[in-house]
Amino acid sequence: MSWSSSKSTTSTQPIGQPSLPQVIINTRPVERAAPLTQHLQAAGMSVIDMPMLTLEACPTTEQDMTLMRQWLAGDYQALVIVSPTAAASGLAVWQKLEQERQIQKSDGNDKAQNSPNFKHLKAPSHLIAVGEATAAVLNDAKLDAKSYRVLQPLIANNEGMLAMPEIESLKAGDKMLVWRGLGGRRLLVNTLQARGVHIDSIAWYERKMPSDAMARYEKWKAEFLAQKSEQQTTSGSQPKPVVIVSSGTAFEHWQAIVSAVAEQKVESSLNMDKPASLTLKLTDFAYVVLGERLANMVAEQDLSYWRVEDLAPGTILAAIHSPIVG
């Protein structure tokens, strides 16, 4: 478990006032949001799932298949898998290639072609999974226990991977394959390339803004502001909503939506010659962000945040409950 809070982090509940449920906005993709949402709800928080990313499969190209065949032939010293989605996509192709190999080995007899139960997969290199969920996908597959184990960094980020002996030992002329989505993990790649390591990657999916993201945000915002307006007549106080962000792309989507909706409200008020209606700005939220790059992004805009080094639900809950630092 690893987290830290910025000096600009604000308290979530004034002392001496009735306790109100902390509002948490979980921007993780639908496929990955449930464990965190359930954990925070169990802790008494009001959690809104508002994904800022949707994962869409990329077409598997002939170049991707060539890289997979080269990896299976032992051309790479390590394979890094950055997400559960990348693990599942890569495994499906790996299994397909293994089945094809067995069919060819058996001269194409009908029994081999119709049997889905082939032998355990034998990994030709180290398998390095980023995070528990990614490792779980790989461990659930038919991996030969006698071949390479599924390894994980102590901290599930670029710095943690660079500290692994299997990565640290890579030298000029060595090769590493990465299963990933489009974008991300540049520190790892740039550091190893500067060392002379050859990096190839397969992008199994791409991350896009969900088509209903703005509509979801507008609906939540209207309900939140209405509730906040009602509470102004009571002794209660509504703490800042906390937004959980795990990638730079997700934060860019969040920033675009919040800013666009705020600008729409201002323009609408001006056109109707009325006082500006209530809206929300980026500074009206506190943020839980993953890693140094995201922390720098929010710090540049003077936003309140906690930085975490992994996305374990317990880590995030501990960060939200942390005292003010500085």
Protein backbone atom coordinates (compact mmCIF):
# COMPACT_ATOMS: atom_id res chain seq x y z
CA MET A 1 0.00 0.00 0.00
CA SER A 2 1.48 3.34 -0.98
CA TRP A 3 0.07 6.85 -1.06
CA SER A 4 0.89 10.44 -0.23
CA SER A 5 -1.17 13.59 0.01
CA SER A 6 -0.34 16.97 -1.47
CA LYS A 7 -0.06 20.05 0.68
CA SER A 8 -3.12 21.46 -1.10
CA THR A 9 -5.37 18.56 -0.04
CA THR A 10 -8.49 19.79 1.74
CA SER A 11 -10.32 18.26 4.67
CA THR A 12 -13.34 16.19 3.69
CA GLN A 13 -15.52 17.03 6.71
CA PRO A 14 -15.57 20.14 8.92
CA ILE A 15 -15.29 19.37 12.63
CA GLY A 16 -18.46 19.57 14.69
CA GLN A 17 -20.94 19.29 11.79
CA PRO A 18 -23.13 16.33 10.88
CA SER A 19 -21.30 13.73 8.89
CA LEU A 20 -22.42 13.55 5.27
CA PRO A 21 -21.51 10.73 2.89
CA GLN A 22 -18.33 11.49 0.99
CA VAL A 23 -19.08 11.60 -2.73
CA ILE A 24 -16.59 9.61 -4.81
CA ILE A 25 -16.51 9.67 -8.62
CA ASN A 26 -14.89 6.53 -10.00
CA THR A 27 -13.64 7.26 -13.53
CA ARG A 28 -12.15 3.81 -14.14
CA PRO A 29 -13.37 1.82 -17.18
CA VAL A 30 -16.49 -0.26 -16.60
CA GLU A 31 -14.46 -3.48 -16.83
CA ARG A 32 -12.26 -2.43 -13.89
CA ALA A 33 -14.47 -0.23 -11.70
CA ALA A 34 -16.53 -2.72 -9.65
CA PRO A 35 -14.05 -3.87 -6.94
CA LEU A 36 -13.10 -0.29 -6.06
CA THR A 37 -16.70 0.95 -6.10
CA GLN A 38 -17.87 -1.89 -3.86
CA HIS A 39 -15.00 -1.36 -1.40
CA LEU A 40 -15.71 2.36 -1.03
CA GLN A 41 -19.47 1.81 -0.73
CA ALA A 42 -18.82 -0.71 2.04
CA ALA A 43 -16.87 2.06 3.80
CA GLY A 44 -19.99 4.26 3.76
CA MET A 45 -19.17 6.46 0.80
CA SER A 46 -21.51 7.52 -2.00
CA VAL A 47 -19.84 6.25 -5.17
CA ILE A 48 -20.77 7.27 -8.70
CA ASP A 49 -19.38 5.22 -11.56
CA MET A 50 -18.54 7.71 -14.29
CA PRO A 51 -16.05 6.05 -16.67
CA MET A 52 -13.84 8.44 -18.60
CA LEU A 53 -12.43 5.63 -20.74
CA THR A 54 -13.95 2.85 -22.76
CA LEU A 55 -11.76 0.08 -24.13
CA GLU A 56 -12.17 -0.86 -27.79
CA ALA A 57 -10.33 -3.78 -29.33
CA CYS A 58 -7.79 -2.98 -32.04
CA PRO A 59 -7.71 -5.20 -35.14
CA THR A 60 -4.96 -7.82 -34.84
CA THR A 61 -2.55 -7.13 -37.67
CA GLU A 62 -0.14 -9.45 -39.44
CA GLN A 63 2.67 -7.50 -37.78
CA ASP A 64 1.15 -8.33 -34.39
CA MET A 65 1.06 -12.02 -35.32
CA THR A 66 4.67 -11.86 -36.47
CA LEU A 67 5.74 -10.38 -33.13
CA MET A 68 3.82 -13.08 -31.27
CA ARG A 69 5.47 -15.83 -33.31
CA GLN A 70 8.90 -14.28 -32.70
CA TRP A 71 8.21 -14.14 -28.96
CA LEU A 72 7.07 -17.78 -28.93
CA ALA A 73 10.27 -18.67 -30.81
CA GLY A 74 12.31 -17.23 -27.93
CA ASP A 75 13.42 -13.95 -29.51
CA TYR A 76 12.59 -11.85 -26.42
CA GLN A 77 14.07 -11.85 -22.92
CA ALA A 78 10.90 -10.51 -21.27
CA LEU A 79 7.21 -9.88 -21.86
CA VAL A 80 5.50 -7.02 -19.99
CA ILE A 81 1.70 -7.08 -19.76
CA VAL A 82 0.26 -3.76 -18.59
CA SER A 83 -3.44 -4.52 -17.97
CA PRO A 84 -6.02 -7.31 -17.59
CA THR A 85 -7.45 -6.43 -21.01
CA ALA A 86 -4.04 -6.73 -22.66
CA ALA A 87 -3.47 -10.03 -20.83
CA ALA A 88 -6.78 -11.52 -22.00
CA SER A 89 -6.27 -10.37 -25.60
CA GLY A 90 -2.68 -11.62 -25.77
CA LEU A 91 -3.57 -14.94 -24.19
CA ALA A 92 -6.32 -15.53 -26.76
CA VAL A 93 -3.84 -15.13 -29.62
CA TRP A 94 -1.20 -17.17 -27.79
CA GLN A 95 -3.67 -20.02 -27.35
CA LYS A 96 -4.69 -19.79 -31.01
CA LEU A 97 -1.07 -20.02 -32.17
CA GLU A 98 -0.43 -22.96 -29.84
CA GLN A 99 -3.47 -24.76 -31.22
CA GLU A 100 -2.28 -24.12 -34.78
CA ARG A 101 1.15 -25.47 -33.87
CA GLN A 102 -0.33 -28.67 -32.47
CA ILE A 103 -2.53 -29.15 -35.52
CA GLN A 104 0.51 -28.79 -37.78
CA LYS A 105 2.48 -31.16 -35.54
CA SER A 106 -0.28 -33.78 -35.81
CA ASP A 107 -0.45 -33.42 -39.63
CA GLY A 108 -3.90 -31.86 -39.39
CA ASN A 109 -5.83 -34.90 -38.16
CA ASP A 110 -9.46 -34.27 -37.25
CA LYS A 111 -9.05 -35.16 -33.58
CA ALA A 112 -6.43 -32.44 -33.05
CA GLN A 113 -8.46 -29.85 -34.97
CA ASN A 114 -11.61 -30.45 -32.93
CA SER A 115 -10.01 -30.65 -29.50
CA PRO A 116 -9.86 -27.39 -27.50
CA ASN A 117 -7.92 -29.07 -24.66
CA PHE A 118 -4.32 -28.59 -25.66
CA LYS A 119 -1.36 -28.86 -23.29
CA HIS A 120 -0.33 -26.16 -20.86
CA LEU A 121 1.13 -23.07 -22.49
CA LYS A 122 4.89 -22.78 -22.17
CA ALA A 123 6.14 -19.23 -21.77
CA PRO A 124 9.40 -18.59 -23.66
CA SER A 125 10.39 -15.59 -21.51
CA HIS A 126 9.70 -13.87 -18.21
CA LEU A 127 6.03 -12.81 -17.84
CA ILE A 128 5.81 -9.50 -15.99
CA ALA A 129 2.30 -8.44 -14.99
CA VAL A 130 1.55 -4.88 -13.90
CA GLY A 131 -0.92 -5.23 -11.04
CA GLU A 132 -2.81 -7.98 -9.24
CA ALA A 133 -5.72 -8.08 -11.70
CA THR A 134 -3.37 -8.55 -14.66
CA ALA A 135 -1.48 -11.31 -12.86
CA ALA A 136 -4.78 -13.02 -12.02
CA VAL A 137 -5.72 -13.26 -15.71
CA LEU A 138 -2.39 -14.92 -16.47
CA ASN A 139 -2.45 -17.21 -13.45
CA ASP A 140 -5.92 -18.44 -14.40
CA ALA A 141 -4.64 -19.49 -17.83
CA LYS A 142 -3.05 -22.84 -18.69
CA LEU A 143 0.56 -21.86 -18.08
CA ASP A 144 3.12 -24.62 -17.66
CA ALA A 145 4.29 -24.44 -14.05
CA LYS A 146 7.74 -25.57 -15.16
CA SER A 147 8.19 -22.59 -17.48
CA TYR A 148 8.49 -18.96 -16.40
CA ARG A 149 6.31 -17.78 -13.51
CA VAL A 150 4.09 -14.70 -13.60
CA LEU A 151 6.15 -11.96 -11.92
CA GLN A 152 5.00 -8.63 -10.50
CA PRO A 153 6.80 -5.43 -9.46
CA LEU A 154 6.58 -4.52 -5.76
CA ILE A 155 4.90 -1.28 -6.83
CA ALA A 156 2.67 -1.49 -9.91
CA ASN A 157 4.08 1.39 -11.93
CA ASN A 158 6.96 2.22 -14.27
CA GLU A 159 9.42 2.82 -11.45
CA GLY A 160 8.49 -0.47 -9.82
CA MET A 161 9.07 -2.38 -13.05
CA LEU A 162 12.44 -0.72 -13.66
CA ALA A 163 13.54 -1.93 -10.21
CA MET A 164 12.75 -5.60 -10.99
CA PRO A 165 15.87 -7.75 -11.50
CA GLU A 166 14.38 -9.19 -14.70
CA ILE A 167 14.07 -5.67 -16.16
CA GLU A 168 17.14 -4.16 -14.50
CA SER A 169 19.34 -6.87 -16.03
CA LEU A 170 18.28 -6.13 -19.62
CA LYS A 171 21.23 -4.81 -21.60
CA ALA A 172 22.04 -3.47 -25.06
CA GLY A 173 20.94 -5.95 -27.70
CA ASP A 174 18.29 -7.60 -25.52
CA LYS A 175 14.66 -7.52 -26.62
CA MET A 176 11.43 -6.97 -24.71
CA LEU A 177 7.84 -7.31 -25.88
CA VAL A 178 4.97 -5.26 -24.37
CA TRP A 179 1.26 -6.13 -24.45
CA ARG A 180 -0.63 -2.89 -23.90
CA GLY A 181 -3.29 -0.44 -25.01
CA LEU A 182 -2.45 2.50 -27.25
CA GLY A 183 -0.29 5.02 -25.35
CA GLY A 184 1.15 4.96 -21.83
CA ARG A 185 4.20 3.42 -20.10
CA ARG A 186 6.67 5.76 -21.82
CA LEU A 187 9.09 6.00 -18.88
CA LEU A 188 9.75 2.26 -18.99
CA VAL A 189 10.17 2.20 -22.76
CA ASN A 190 12.31 5.35 -22.94
CA THR A 191 14.60 4.21 -20.12
CA LEU A 192 15.22 0.79 -21.65
CA GLN A 193 15.68 2.16 -25.17
CA ALA A 194 18.30 4.58 -23.84
CA ARG A 195 20.08 1.50 -22.46
CA GLY A 196 20.08 -0.08 -25.94
CA VAL A 197 17.25 -2.55 -25.29
CA HIS A 198 15.01 -3.19 -28.30
CA ILE A 199 11.32 -2.74 -27.47
CA ASP A 200 8.43 -4.07 -29.53
CA SER A 201 4.81 -3.68 -28.52
CA ILE A 202 1.38 -4.90 -29.47
CA ALA A 203 -1.56 -2.57 -28.84
CA TRP A 204 -4.51 -4.89 -28.27
CA TYR A 205 -6.99 -2.09 -27.54
CA GLU A 206 -7.40 1.66 -27.54
CA ARG A 207 -8.93 3.94 -24.93
CA LYS A 208 -11.66 6.36 -25.97
CA MET A 209 -14.04 8.71 -24.21
CA PRO A 210 -17.40 6.98 -23.68
CA SER A 211 -20.11 8.47 -25.90
CA ASP A 212 -22.35 9.12 -22.88
CA ALA A 213 -19.64 10.58 -20.63
CA MET A 214 -20.81 14.20 -20.85
CA ALA A 215 -24.47 13.27 -20.39
CA ARG A 216 -23.60 11.22 -17.28
CA TYR A 217 -21.63 14.10 -15.83
CA GLU A 218 -24.37 16.68 -16.53
CA LYS A 219 -27.01 14.47 -14.89
CA TRP A 220 -24.87 13.90 -11.80
CA LYS A 221 -23.92 17.58 -11.57
CA ALA A 222 -27.54 18.73 -11.63
CA GLU A 223 -28.46 16.29 -8.85
CA PHE A 224 -25.39 17.17 -6.78
CA LEU A 225 -25.96 20.95 -7.00
CA ALA A 226 -29.65 20.54 -6.16
CA GLN A 227 -28.72 18.54 -3.07
CA LYS A 228 -26.05 21.08 -2.15
CA SER A 229 -28.56 23.92 -2.45
CA GLU A 230 -30.95 22.16 -0.09
CA GLN A 231 -28.19 21.57 2.46
CA GLN A 232 -27.29 25.25 2.58
CA THR A 233 -30.36 25.77 4.77
CA THR A 234 -29.13 23.19 7.28
CA SER A 235 -26.09 22.93 9.50
CA GLY A 236 -24.64 20.22 7.30
CA SER A 237 -21.77 20.79 4.92
CA GLN A 238 -21.04 18.97 1.66
CA PRO A 239 -17.35 18.07 1.34
CA LYS A 240 -15.63 18.27 -2.02
CA PRO A 241 -16.40 15.31 -4.27
CA VAL A 242 -13.33 13.13 -4.77
CA VAL A 243 -12.47 12.03 -8.32
CA ILE A 244 -10.39 8.88 -8.78
CA VAL A 245 -8.21 9.09 -11.90
CA SER A 246 -5.83 6.37 -13.02
CA SER A 247 -4.46 7.67 -16.34
CA GLY A 248 -3.50 10.88 -18.10
CA THR A 249 -6.02 10.17 -20.87
CA ALA A 250 -8.85 9.79 -18.35
CA PHE A 251 -7.89 13.08 -16.69
CA GLU A 252 -7.82 14.87 -20.05
CA HIS A 253 -11.32 13.57 -20.79
CA TRP A 254 -12.54 14.63 -17.34
CA GLN A 255 -10.99 18.07 -17.73
CA ALA A 256 -12.57 18.53 -21.17
CA ILE A 257 -16.05 17.58 -19.93
CA VAL A 258 -16.01 19.68 -16.74
CA SER A 259 -14.68 22.72 -18.62
CA ALA A 260 -17.11 22.34 -21.54
CA VAL A 261 -20.17 22.04 -19.28
CA ALA A 262 -19.07 25.04 -17.20
CA GLU A 263 -18.56 27.14 -20.35
CA GLN A 264 -21.99 26.13 -21.67
CA LYS A 265 -23.64 27.37 -18.47
CA VAL A 266 -21.84 30.73 -18.65
CA GLU A 267 -22.73 31.23 -22.33
CA SER A 268 -26.36 30.27 -21.69
CA SER A 269 -26.65 32.77 -18.85
CA LEU A 270 -25.12 35.55 -20.94
CA ASN A 271 -27.40 34.88 -23.90
CA MET A 272 -30.49 34.98 -21.66
CA ASP A 273 -29.23 38.07 -19.78
CA LYS A 274 -29.54 36.25 -16.44
CA PRO A 275 -27.16 35.76 -13.51
CA ALA A 276 -24.81 32.85 -14.05
CA SER A 277 -26.32 29.61 -12.77
CA LEU A 278 -24.42 27.32 -10.42
CA THR A 279 -21.83 25.10 -12.02
CA LEU A 280 -18.67 23.24 -11.05
CA LYS A 281 -15.04 23.83 -11.95
CA LEU A 282 -12.04 21.52 -11.74
CA THR A 283 -11.09 23.18 -8.44
CA ASP A 284 -14.42 22.15 -6.89
CA PHE A 285 -13.14 18.56 -6.72
CA ALA A 286 -10.34 16.76 -4.90
CA TYR A 287 -8.46 14.05 -6.78
CA VAL A 288 -6.90 10.67 -6.13
CA VAL A 289 -4.31 10.17 -8.87
CA LEU A 290 -1.99 7.33 -9.80
CA GLY A 291 1.73 8.02 -9.99
CA GLU A 292 4.06 10.94 -10.55
CA ARG A 293 2.95 11.95 -14.05
CA LEU A 294 -0.70 12.39 -13.05
CA ALA A 295 0.27 14.12 -9.82
CA ASN A 296 2.25 16.65 -11.85
CA MET A 297 -0.70 17.19 -14.20
CA VAL A 298 -3.09 18.10 -11.39
CA ALA A 299 -0.46 20.04 -9.43
CA GLU A 300 0.17 22.28 -12.44
CA GLN A 301 -3.47 23.38 -12.19
CA ASP A 302 -3.30 23.91 -8.42
CA LEU A 303 -5.82 21.15 -7.75
CA SER A 304 -6.19 19.33 -4.44
CA TYR A 305 -5.04 15.72 -4.67
CA TRP A 306 -3.70 12.59 -3.09
CA ARG A 307 -1.11 10.59 -5.02
CA VAL A 308 -1.23 6.80 -4.83
CA GLU A 309 1.25 4.30 -6.20
CA ASP A 310 -1.22 1.49 -6.83
CA LEU A 311 -4.96 1.13 -7.40
CA ALA A 312 -5.76 -1.37 -4.66
CA PRO A 313 -9.09 -0.35 -3.07
CA GLY A 314 -7.49 -0.32 0.38
CA THR A 315 -4.77 2.06 -0.81
CA ILE A 316 -7.31 4.49 -2.23
CA LEU A 317 -9.50 4.40 0.85
CA ALA A 318 -6.50 5.03 3.11
CA ALA A 319 -5.49 8.01 0.96
CA ILE A 320 -8.96 9.57 1.14
CA HIS A 321 -8.92 9.19 4.94
CA SER A 322 -5.41 10.61 5.29
CA PRO A 323 -4.76 13.77 7.33
CA ILE A 324 -3.71 17.03 5.73
CA VAL A 325 0.00 17.25 5.04
CA GLY A 326 1.78 20.63 5.00
